[in-house]
Amino acid sequence: MSGAACTIVSGISGQLAVLHNETFFNESLRLCRMLPGALRAYCDSIVQTLEPIFTDSELMKTFTPDIFCYAIGICYAEKSFCYLFPKPPGNFYLNIQDFKRAAHVAYKQRNSSLVDVNEKLASFKFDICKLPGFSVICDTFNKSYTTLQPSVDFDGDYFSIYEAARGSHWRGRDCADWNDDIYPGRLPVSEDIHKDSNCNGIFGTNPDTGEAYETELCNGTVSRGVIYLGDSVGAHFHMPEAWFNPRLISSVACLLGLAMPLSGIEPRTLNSVERQATK
């Protein structure tokens, strides 16, 4: 789960950078300083060490949280690679190697190595699965998310037109449950000129420009939004909105979320002391 934590934190840093019109480096430092105790200092140290990477405009053109976490060795896969964020242009493996070489140089300048980084991280014994509420999530994913097939799935692509029983409330609504090549979240096929292959409601071409609507409306955009964990998982706890909304995230919000039992808690407005602490 450390790989998932790395990917999520890196992704939030990227969204904060867009929100605040800041560099990824500065927003990563801001996010590190919201973490508790020794973890905060160590996160800060990693970001400071990797500053040459985060300030390299050419290298950052191919940056994604997945590539970054693979490159620094927190994410690991024996075969191939999985990814949560859209792939950048070019070869995914070569992009990881470019980041890995840059990270190696950065750590060498600090008389350290990626092995030292991961050994130090392990020494904190920080396990996201031990946080309140997360144990249920971790247990679900550890039992293999991919085996949880909807009860009604005519084409066997793990996406359904029905909401309940791990259907569209779980993964997203299938828009063609008779074709396993069409499902939510996939990369568009031939710019979706002929059909809506990724179920986002966009397909065809603009008659005035001749350009595919998928390219015209979606090119250059990235995924945004909140993940909802539904069905039996969502019944066990409530996650504070500030954990997922870059506009609300702060050190106080994070600590309040960890300190309070999650079940049955509703979002609330911070009091004057808490608001002052977030400034």
C-alpha atoms as a PDB file:
ATOM      1  CA  MET A   1       0.000   0.000   0.000  1.00  0.00           C
ATOM      2  CA  SER A   2       3.040   2.331   0.213  1.00  0.00           C
ATOM      3  CA  GLY A   3       2.884   2.543  -3.576  1.00  0.00           C
ATOM      4  CA  ALA A   4      -0.749   3.636  -3.426  1.00  0.00           C
ATOM      5  CA  ALA A   5       0.099   6.235  -0.767  1.00  0.00           C
ATOM      6  CA  CYS A   6       2.985   7.596  -2.880  1.00  0.00           C
ATOM      7  CA  THR A   7       0.766   7.837  -5.959  1.00  0.00           C
ATOM      8  CA  ILE A   8      -2.062   9.563  -4.095  1.00  0.00           C
ATOM      9  CA  VAL A   9       0.213  12.093  -2.347  1.00  0.00           C
ATOM     10  CA  SER A  10       2.049  12.875  -5.601  1.00  0.00           C
ATOM     11  CA  GLY A  11      -1.271  13.271  -7.391  1.00  0.00           C
ATOM     12  CA  ILE A  12      -2.598  15.661  -4.748  1.00  0.00           C
ATOM     13  CA  SER A  13       0.630  17.694  -5.011  1.00  0.00           C
ATOM     14  CA  GLY A  14       0.051  18.055  -8.739  1.00  0.00           C
ATOM     15  CA  GLN A  15      -3.538  19.211  -8.256  1.00  0.00           C
ATOM     16  CA  LEU A  16      -2.491  21.655  -5.536  1.00  0.00           C
ATOM     17  CA  ALA A  17       0.133  23.073  -7.911  1.00  0.00           C
ATOM     18  CA  VAL A  18      -2.569  23.747 -10.510  1.00  0.00           C
ATOM     19  CA  LEU A  19      -4.956  25.176  -7.908  1.00  0.00           C
ATOM     20  CA  HIS A  20      -2.391  27.552  -6.396  1.00  0.00           C
ATOM     21  CA  ASN A  21      -0.580  28.294  -9.684  1.00  0.00           C
ATOM     22  CA  GLU A  22       2.619  27.073  -8.025  1.00  0.00           C
ATOM     23  CA  THR A  23       5.454  24.737  -8.985  1.00  0.00           C
ATOM     24  CA  PHE A  24       5.191  21.051  -8.190  1.00  0.00           C
ATOM     25  CA  PHE A  25       8.292  21.413  -6.000  1.00  0.00           C
ATOM     26  CA  ASN A  26       6.789  24.129  -3.784  1.00  0.00           C
ATOM     27  CA  GLU A  27       3.450  22.351  -3.479  1.00  0.00           C
ATOM     28  CA  SER A  28       5.184  19.097  -2.541  1.00  0.00           C
ATOM     29  CA  LEU A  29       6.961  20.930   0.277  1.00  0.00           C
ATOM     30  CA  ARG A  30       3.630  22.399   1.391  1.00  0.00           C
ATOM     31  CA  LEU A  31       2.046  18.953   1.474  1.00  0.00           C
ATOM     32  CA  CYS A  32       5.016  17.422   3.342  1.00  0.00           C
ATOM     33  CA  ARG A  33       4.561  19.979   6.096  1.00  0.00           C
ATOM     34  CA  MET A  34       1.027  18.747   6.671  1.00  0.00           C
ATOM     35  CA  LEU A  35       2.307  15.293   7.663  1.00  0.00           C
ATOM     36  CA  PRO A  36       2.901  14.343  11.304  1.00  0.00           C
ATOM     37  CA  GLY A  37       6.256  14.269  13.125  1.00  0.00           C
ATOM     38  CA  ALA A  38       9.270  12.469  11.710  1.00  0.00           C
ATOM     39  CA  LEU A  39       7.416  11.613   8.519  1.00  0.00           C
ATOM     40  CA  ARG A  40       7.108  15.328   7.786  1.00  0.00           C
ATOM     41  CA  ALA A  41      10.854  15.887   8.126  1.00  0.00           C
ATOM     42  CA  TYR A  42      11.679  12.882   5.980  1.00  0.00           C
ATOM     43  CA  CYS A  43       9.189  13.841   3.256  1.00  0.00           C
ATOM     44  CA  ASP A  44      10.681  17.334   3.241  1.00  0.00           C
ATOM     45  CA  SER A  45      14.173  15.855   2.903  1.00  0.00           C
ATOM     46  CA  ILE A  46      13.156  13.716  -0.098  1.00  0.00           C
ATOM     47  CA  VAL A  47      11.545  16.662  -1.893  1.00  0.00           C
ATOM     48  CA  GLN A  48      14.545  18.918  -1.223  1.00  0.00           C
ATOM     49  CA  THR A  49      16.891  16.225  -2.544  1.00  0.00           C
ATOM     50  CA  LEU A  50      14.821  15.728  -5.682  1.00  0.00           C
ATOM     51  CA  GLU A  51      14.543  19.465  -6.374  1.00  0.00           C
ATOM     52  CA  PRO A  52      16.707  19.141  -9.543  1.00  0.00           C
ATOM     53  CA  ILE A  53      14.076  16.780 -10.961  1.00  0.00           C
ATOM     54  CA  PHE A  54      11.051  18.854  -9.976  1.00  0.00           C
ATOM     55  CA  THR A  55      12.579  22.015 -11.455  1.00  0.00           C
ATOM     56  CA  ASP A  56      13.676  20.367 -14.728  1.00  0.00           C
ATOM     57  CA  SER A  57      11.036  21.584 -17.190  1.00  0.00           C
ATOM     58  CA  GLU A  58      11.912  19.006 -19.866  1.00  0.00           C
ATOM     59  CA  LEU A  59      11.818  16.074 -17.458  1.00  0.00           C
ATOM     60  CA  MET A  60       8.572  17.263 -15.878  1.00  0.00           C
ATOM     61  CA  LYS A  61       6.836  17.142 -19.266  1.00  0.00           C
ATOM     62  CA  THR A  62       6.639  13.364 -18.831  1.00  0.00           C
ATOM     63  CA  PHE A  63       5.957  13.451 -15.074  1.00  0.00           C
ATOM     64  CA  THR A  64       3.059  11.489 -13.664  1.00  0.00           C
ATOM     65  CA  PRO A  65       2.667  10.230 -10.066  1.00  0.00           C
ATOM     66  CA  ASP A  66       2.959   6.662 -11.373  1.00  0.00           C
ATOM     67  CA  ILE A  67       6.275   7.301 -13.136  1.00  0.00           C
ATOM     68  CA  PHE A  68       7.651   9.154 -10.114  1.00  0.00           C
ATOM     69  CA  CYS A  69       6.758   6.415  -7.604  1.00  0.00           C
ATOM     70  CA  TYR A  70       8.177   3.684  -9.838  1.00  0.00           C
ATOM     71  CA  ALA A  71      11.355   5.706 -10.404  1.00  0.00           C
ATOM     72  CA  ILE A  72      12.140   6.207  -6.710  1.00  0.00           C
ATOM     73  CA  GLY A  73      11.437   2.544  -5.991  1.00  0.00           C
ATOM     74  CA  ILE A  74       8.318   2.839  -3.829  1.00  0.00           C
ATOM     75  CA  CYS A  75       6.125   1.200  -6.472  1.00  0.00           C
ATOM     76  CA  TYR A  76       7.287  -2.157  -7.808  1.00  0.00           C
ATOM     77  CA  ALA A  77       6.013  -4.655 -10.360  1.00  0.00           C
ATOM     78  CA  GLU A  78       7.741  -7.823 -11.531  1.00  0.00           C
ATOM     79  CA  LYS A  79       6.086  -7.739 -14.936  1.00  0.00           C
ATOM     80  CA  SER A  80       4.909  -4.746 -16.920  1.00  0.00           C
ATOM     81  CA  PHE A  81       3.570  -1.651 -15.120  1.00  0.00           C
ATOM     82  CA  CYS A  82       0.196  -0.580 -13.848  1.00  0.00           C
ATOM     83  CA  TYR A  83      -0.801   3.061 -13.737  1.00  0.00           C
ATOM     84  CA  LEU A  84      -3.513   5.216 -12.209  1.00  0.00           C
ATOM     85  CA  PHE A  85      -2.904   8.455 -14.135  1.00  0.00           C
ATOM     86  CA  PRO A  86      -2.919   8.873 -17.942  1.00  0.00           C
ATOM     87  CA  LYS A  87       0.353   7.885 -19.583  1.00  0.00           C
ATOM     88  CA  PRO A  88       2.511  10.723 -20.963  1.00  0.00           C
ATOM     89  CA  PRO A  89       3.677  10.664 -24.601  1.00  0.00           C
ATOM     90  CA  GLY A  90       6.452   8.212 -25.408  1.00  0.00           C
ATOM     91  CA  ASN A  91       7.547   4.917 -23.925  1.00  0.00           C
ATOM     92  CA  PHE A  92       6.317   4.450 -20.336  1.00  0.00           C
ATOM     93  CA  TYR A  93       9.287   2.264 -19.354  1.00  0.00           C
ATOM     94  CA  LEU A  94      11.863   4.680 -20.829  1.00  0.00           C
ATOM     95  CA  ASN A  95      10.191   7.609 -19.049  1.00  0.00           C
ATOM     96  CA  ILE A  96      10.597   5.751 -15.750  1.00  0.00           C
ATOM     97  CA  GLN A  97      14.265   5.072 -16.524  1.00  0.00           C
ATOM     98  CA  ASP A  98      14.867   8.773 -17.269  1.00  0.00           C
ATOM     99  CA  PHE A  99      13.406   9.723 -13.883  1.00  0.00           C
ATOM    100  CA  LYS A 100      15.314   6.932 -12.163  1.00  0.00           C
ATOM    101  CA  ARG A 101      18.645   8.153 -13.572  1.00  0.00           C
ATOM    102  CA  ALA A 102      17.857  11.729 -12.554  1.00  0.00           C
ATOM    103  CA  ALA A 103      16.885  10.572  -9.045  1.00  0.00           C
ATOM    104  CA  HIS A 104      20.118   8.553  -8.774  1.00  0.00           C
ATOM    105  CA  VAL A 105      22.181  11.642  -9.656  1.00  0.00           C
ATOM    106  CA  ALA A 106      20.238  13.792  -7.181  1.00  0.00           C
ATOM    107  CA  TYR A 107      20.753  11.335  -4.320  1.00  0.00           C
ATOM    108  CA  LYS A 108      24.409  10.817  -5.193  1.00  0.00           C
ATOM    109  CA  GLN A 109      24.929  14.556  -4.745  1.00  0.00           C
ATOM    110  CA  ARG A 110      23.572  14.107  -1.204  1.00  0.00           C
ATOM    111  CA  ASN A 111      25.783  11.018  -0.591  1.00  0.00           C
ATOM    112  CA  SER A 112      22.674   8.856  -0.475  1.00  0.00           C
ATOM    113  CA  SER A 113      20.875   6.349  -2.701  1.00  0.00           C
ATOM    114  CA  LEU A 114      17.401   5.102  -3.540  1.00  0.00           C
ATOM    115  CA  VAL A 115      18.100   2.043  -1.365  1.00  0.00           C
ATOM    116  CA  ASP A 116      18.735   4.368   1.600  1.00  0.00           C
ATOM    117  CA  VAL A 117      15.450   6.142   0.856  1.00  0.00           C
ATOM    118  CA  ASN A 118      13.362   2.986   0.983  1.00  0.00           C
ATOM    119  CA  GLU A 119      15.176   1.609   4.041  1.00  0.00           C
ATOM    120  CA  LYS A 120      14.568   4.894   5.854  1.00  0.00           C
ATOM    121  CA  LEU A 121      10.905   4.902   4.845  1.00  0.00           C
ATOM    122  CA  ALA A 122      10.522   1.343   6.128  1.00  0.00           C
ATOM    123  CA  SER A 123      12.080   2.352   9.467  1.00  0.00           C
ATOM    124  CA  PHE A 124       9.119   4.661  10.170  1.00  0.00           C
ATOM    125  CA  LYS A 125       6.816   1.629  10.104  1.00  0.00           C
ATOM    126  CA  PHE A 126       4.180   3.932   8.619  1.00  0.00           C
ATOM    127  CA  ASP A 127       1.315   1.834   7.327  1.00  0.00           C
ATOM    128  CA  ILE A 128      -1.575   3.670   5.719  1.00  0.00           C
ATOM    129  CA  CYS A 129      -3.689   0.567   6.338  1.00  0.00           C
ATOM    130  CA  LYS A 130      -3.460   1.204  10.101  1.00  0.00           C
ATOM    131  CA  LEU A 131      -5.224   4.567   9.843  1.00  0.00           C
ATOM    132  CA  PRO A 132      -8.871   4.669  10.971  1.00  0.00           C
ATOM    133  CA  GLY A 133     -11.150   3.445   8.217  1.00  0.00           C
ATOM    134  CA  PHE A 134      -8.376   2.489   5.813  1.00  0.00           C
ATOM    135  CA  SER A 135      -8.129  -1.094   7.099  1.00  0.00           C
ATOM    136  CA  VAL A 136     -11.438  -1.903   5.399  1.00  0.00           C
ATOM    137  CA  ILE A 137     -10.201  -0.434   2.119  1.00  0.00           C
ATOM    138  CA  CYS A 138      -6.856  -2.240   2.289  1.00  0.00           C
ATOM    139  CA  ASP A 139      -8.530  -5.526   3.074  1.00  0.00           C
ATOM    140  CA  THR A 140     -10.795  -5.126   0.063  1.00  0.00           C
ATOM    141  CA  PHE A 141      -7.932  -4.326  -2.299  1.00  0.00           C
ATOM    142  CA  ASN A 142      -5.755  -7.089  -0.850  1.00  0.00           C
ATOM    143  CA  LYS A 143      -8.481  -9.579  -1.726  1.00  0.00           C
ATOM    144  CA  SER A 144      -8.007  -8.373  -5.307  1.00  0.00           C
ATOM    145  CA  TYR A 145     -10.214  -5.630  -6.627  1.00  0.00           C
ATOM    146  CA  THR A 146     -10.187  -7.250 -10.058  1.00  0.00           C
ATOM    147  CA  THR A 147     -11.993 -10.376  -8.845  1.00  0.00           C
ATOM    148  CA  LEU A 148     -15.040  -8.436  -7.669  1.00  0.00           C
ATOM    149  CA  GLN A 149     -17.191  -8.834 -10.757  1.00  0.00           C
ATOM    150  CA  PRO A 150     -20.616  -7.179 -10.998  1.00  0.00           C
ATOM    151  CA  SER A 151     -23.507  -9.560 -10.507  1.00  0.00           C
ATOM    152  CA  VAL A 152     -24.882  -8.405 -13.873  1.00  0.00           C
ATOM    153  CA  ASP A 153     -22.201  -8.003 -16.541  1.00  0.00           C
ATOM    154  CA  PHE A 154     -23.260  -9.321 -19.935  1.00  0.00           C
ATOM    155  CA  ASP A 155     -19.962  -8.774 -21.779  1.00  0.00           C
ATOM    156  CA  GLY A 156     -17.639  -9.748 -18.904  1.00  0.00           C
ATOM    157  CA  ASP A 157     -15.588  -6.526 -18.891  1.00  0.00           C
ATOM    158  CA  TYR A 158     -16.221  -5.893 -15.149  1.00  0.00           C
ATOM    159  CA  PHE A 159     -18.470  -2.889 -15.871  1.00  0.00           C
ATOM    160  CA  SER A 160     -22.254  -2.997 -15.615  1.00  0.00           C
ATOM    161  CA  ILE A 161     -25.332  -1.017 -16.657  1.00  0.00           C
ATOM    162  CA  TYR A 162     -26.882  -1.754 -13.246  1.00  0.00           C
ATOM    163  CA  GLU A 163     -26.003   0.295 -10.183  1.00  0.00           C
ATOM    164  CA  ALA A 164     -26.136  -2.194  -7.302  1.00  0.00           C
ATOM    165  CA  ALA A 165     -24.131  -5.344  -6.511  1.00  0.00           C
ATOM    166  CA  ARG A 166     -20.769  -3.899  -7.533  1.00  0.00           C
ATOM    167  CA  GLY A 167     -22.217  -2.403 -10.669  1.00  0.00           C
ATOM    168  CA  SER A 168     -21.958   1.182 -11.901  1.00  0.00           C
ATOM    169  CA  HIS A 169     -21.805   2.591  -8.353  1.00  0.00           C
ATOM    170  CA  TRP A 170     -18.602   0.602  -7.901  1.00  0.00           C
ATOM    171  CA  ARG A 171     -16.626   1.248 -11.096  1.00  0.00           C
ATOM    172  CA  GLY A 172     -18.642   3.449 -13.418  1.00  0.00           C
ATOM    173  CA  ARG A 173     -21.520   2.810 -15.795  1.00  0.00           C
ATOM    174  CA  ASP A 174     -20.962   0.675 -18.876  1.00  0.00           C
ATOM    175  CA  CYS A 175     -22.519   2.302 -21.933  1.00  0.00           C
ATOM    176  CA  ALA A 176     -22.427  -0.849 -24.089  1.00  0.00           C
ATOM    177  CA  ASP A 177     -22.742  -3.990 -21.991  1.00  0.00           C
ATOM    178  CA  TRP A 178     -22.705  -6.169 -25.101  1.00  0.00           C
ATOM    179  CA  ASN A 179     -19.168  -5.113 -26.147  1.00  0.00           C
ATOM    180  CA  ASP A 180     -16.174  -5.783 -23.874  1.00  0.00           C
ATOM    181  CA  ASP A 181     -14.046  -3.262 -25.815  1.00  0.00           C
ATOM    182  CA  ILE A 182     -16.260  -0.415 -24.579  1.00  0.00           C
ATOM    183  CA  TYR A 183     -16.067   0.572 -20.918  1.00  0.00           C
ATOM    184  CA  PRO A 184     -15.503   3.648 -18.695  1.00  0.00           C
ATOM    185  CA  GLY A 185     -11.986   4.997 -18.347  1.00  0.00           C
ATOM    186  CA  ARG A 186     -10.313   3.293 -21.292  1.00  0.00           C
ATOM    187  CA  LEU A 187      -8.214   5.196 -23.833  1.00  0.00           C
ATOM    188  CA  PRO A 188     -10.344   6.345 -26.778  1.00  0.00           C
ATOM    189  CA  VAL A 189     -10.233   4.232 -29.950  1.00  0.00           C
ATOM    190  CA  SER A 190      -9.322   6.267 -33.054  1.00  0.00           C
ATOM    191  CA  GLU A 191     -10.259   9.461 -31.171  1.00  0.00           C
ATOM    192  CA  ASP A 192     -13.782   8.014 -30.748  1.00  0.00           C
ATOM    193  CA  ILE A 193     -14.757   9.261 -34.195  1.00  0.00           C
ATOM    194  CA  HIS A 194     -17.150   6.373 -34.802  1.00  0.00           C
ATOM    195  CA  LYS A 195     -18.260   5.348 -31.298  1.00  0.00           C
ATOM    196  CA  ASP A 196     -17.972   6.304 -27.628  1.00  0.00           C
ATOM    197  CA  SER A 197     -15.407   3.701 -26.522  1.00  0.00           C
ATOM    198  CA  ASN A 198     -14.739   5.171 -23.050  1.00  0.00           C
ATOM    199  CA  CYS A 199     -18.327   5.973 -22.048  1.00  0.00           C
ATOM    200  CA  ASN A 200     -17.738   9.682 -21.456  1.00  0.00           C
ATOM    201  CA  GLY A 201     -20.562  10.661 -23.807  1.00  0.00           C
ATOM    202  CA  ILE A 202     -18.230  12.206 -26.393  1.00  0.00           C
ATOM    203  CA  PHE A 203     -17.788  10.845 -29.921  1.00  0.00           C
ATOM    204  CA  GLY A 204     -18.018  11.894 -33.563  1.00  0.00           C
ATOM    205  CA  THR A 205     -16.456  14.850 -35.372  1.00  0.00           C
ATOM    206  CA  ASN A 206     -17.139  18.564 -35.462  1.00  0.00           C
ATOM    207  CA  PRO A 207     -18.604  19.267 -38.922  1.00  0.00           C
ATOM    208  CA  ASP A 208     -17.208  22.801 -38.906  1.00  0.00           C
ATOM    209  CA  THR A 209     -13.590  21.867 -38.128  1.00  0.00           C
ATOM    210  CA  GLY A 210     -13.438  18.209 -39.100  1.00  0.00           C
ATOM    211  CA  GLU A 211     -11.746  17.488 -35.769  1.00  0.00           C
ATOM    212  CA  ALA A 212     -12.809  14.687 -33.464  1.00  0.00           C
ATOM    213  CA  TYR A 213     -14.907  15.933 -30.541  1.00  0.00           C
ATOM    214  CA  GLU A 214     -12.829  13.737 -28.186  1.00  0.00           C
ATOM    215  CA  THR A 215      -9.681  15.610 -29.238  1.00  0.00           C
ATOM    216  CA  GLU A 216     -11.341  19.019 -29.417  1.00  0.00           C
ATOM    217  CA  LEU A 217     -12.975  18.820 -25.996  1.00  0.00           C
ATOM    218  CA  CYS A 218     -10.636  16.556 -24.018  1.00  0.00           C
ATOM    219  CA  ASN A 219      -7.125  17.005 -25.430  1.00  0.00           C
ATOM    220  CA  GLY A 220      -4.741  18.432 -22.824  1.00  0.00           C
ATOM    221  CA  THR A 221      -7.092  17.700 -19.923  1.00  0.00           C
ATOM    222  CA  VAL A 222      -6.380  15.360 -17.036  1.00  0.00           C
ATOM    223  CA  SER A 223      -8.537  13.404 -14.628  1.00  0.00           C
ATOM    224  CA  ARG A 224     -10.083  15.289 -11.719  1.00  0.00           C
ATOM    225  CA  GLY A 225     -12.560  14.335  -9.044  1.00  0.00           C
ATOM    226  CA  VAL A 226     -13.225  12.368  -5.903  1.00  0.00           C
ATOM    227  CA  ILE A 227     -13.137   8.584  -5.626  1.00  0.00           C
ATOM    228  CA  TYR A 228     -16.272   7.198  -4.008  1.00  0.00           C
ATOM    229  CA  LEU A 229     -15.904   3.793  -2.379  1.00  0.00           C
ATOM    230  CA  GLY A 230     -19.363   2.332  -2.513  1.00  0.00           C
ATOM    231  CA  ASP A 231     -21.381  -0.732  -1.647  1.00  0.00           C
ATOM    232  CA  SER A 232     -20.439  -2.512   1.580  1.00  0.00           C
ATOM    233  CA  VAL A 233     -17.121  -0.653   1.815  1.00  0.00           C
ATOM    234  CA  GLY A 234     -18.697   2.802   2.008  1.00  0.00           C
ATOM    235  CA  ALA A 235     -21.079   1.713   4.745  1.00  0.00           C
ATOM    236  CA  HIS A 236     -18.318   1.354   7.331  1.00  0.00           C
ATOM    237  CA  PHE A 237     -16.834   4.839   7.526  1.00  0.00           C
ATOM    238  CA  HIS A 238     -16.864   8.443   6.404  1.00  0.00           C
ATOM    239  CA  MET A 239     -13.787  10.144   4.919  1.00  0.00           C
ATOM    240  CA  PRO A 240     -13.417  13.886   5.554  1.00  0.00           C
ATOM    241  CA  GLU A 241     -13.888  15.857   2.347  1.00  0.00           C
ATOM    242  CA  ALA A 242     -10.673  17.779   3.052  1.00  0.00           C
ATOM    243  CA  TRP A 243      -8.646  14.613   2.494  1.00  0.00           C
ATOM    244  CA  PHE A 244      -9.599  14.670  -1.191  1.00  0.00           C
ATOM    245  CA  ASN A 245     -10.451  18.292  -2.011  1.00  0.00           C
ATOM    246  CA  PRO A 246      -7.323  20.388  -2.739  1.00  0.00           C
ATOM    247  CA  ARG A 247      -9.255  23.553  -1.860  1.00  0.00           C
ATOM    248  CA  LEU A 248      -9.807  22.330   1.697  1.00  0.00           C
ATOM    249  CA  ILE A 249      -6.628  20.381   2.439  1.00  0.00           C
ATOM    250  CA  SER A 250      -4.507  21.641   5.344  1.00  0.00           C
ATOM    251  CA  SER A 251      -2.417  20.286   8.189  1.00  0.00           C
ATOM    252  CA  VAL A 252      -5.299  20.842  10.629  1.00  0.00           C
ATOM    253  CA  ALA A 253      -7.792  19.074   8.377  1.00  0.00           C
ATOM    254  CA  CYS A 254      -5.468  16.091   7.992  1.00  0.00           C
ATOM    255  CA  LEU A 255      -4.832  15.774  11.709  1.00  0.00           C
ATOM    256  CA  LEU A 256      -8.512  16.182  12.585  1.00  0.00           C
ATOM    257  CA  GLY A 257      -9.352  13.435  10.128  1.00  0.00           C
ATOM    258  CA  LEU A 258      -6.839  11.060  11.708  1.00  0.00           C
ATOM    259  CA  ALA A 259      -7.795  11.909  15.275  1.00  0.00           C
ATOM    260  CA  MET A 260     -11.541  11.361  14.969  1.00  0.00           C
ATOM    261  CA  PRO A 261     -13.319   8.046  14.440  1.00  0.00           C
ATOM    262  CA  LEU A 262     -14.588   8.156  10.884  1.00  0.00           C
ATOM    263  CA  SER A 263     -17.932   6.414  11.199  1.00  0.00           C
ATOM    264  CA  GLY A 264     -20.873   8.788  11.108  1.00  0.00           C
ATOM    265  CA  ILE A 265     -18.827  12.007  10.994  1.00  0.00           C
ATOM    266  CA  GLU A 266     -20.191  14.675   8.713  1.00  0.00           C
ATOM    267  CA  PRO A 267     -18.110  17.506   7.169  1.00  0.00           C
ATOM    268  CA  ARG A 268     -18.101  20.627   9.312  1.00  0.00           C
ATOM    269  CA  THR A 269     -16.797  24.172   9.186  1.00  0.00           C
ATOM    270  CA  LEU A 270     -13.467  24.780  10.930  1.00  0.00           C
ATOM    271  CA  ASN A 271     -13.609  27.057  13.952  1.00  0.00           C
ATOM    272  CA  SER A 272     -11.592  30.292  14.249  1.00  0.00           C
ATOM    273  CA  VAL A 273      -8.564  28.577  15.847  1.00  0.00           C
ATOM    274  CA  GLU A 274      -8.468  25.901  13.169  1.00  0.00           C
ATOM    275  CA  ARG A 275      -8.890  28.445  10.364  1.00  0.00           C
ATOM    276  CA  GLN A 276      -5.960  30.451  11.719  1.00  0.00           C
ATOM    277  CA  ALA A 277      -3.777  27.332  11.811  1.00  0.00           C
ATOM    278  CA  THR A 278      -4.404  26.649   8.119  1.00  0.00           C
ATOM    279  CA  LYS A 279      -3.104  30.047   7.005  1.00  0.00           C
END
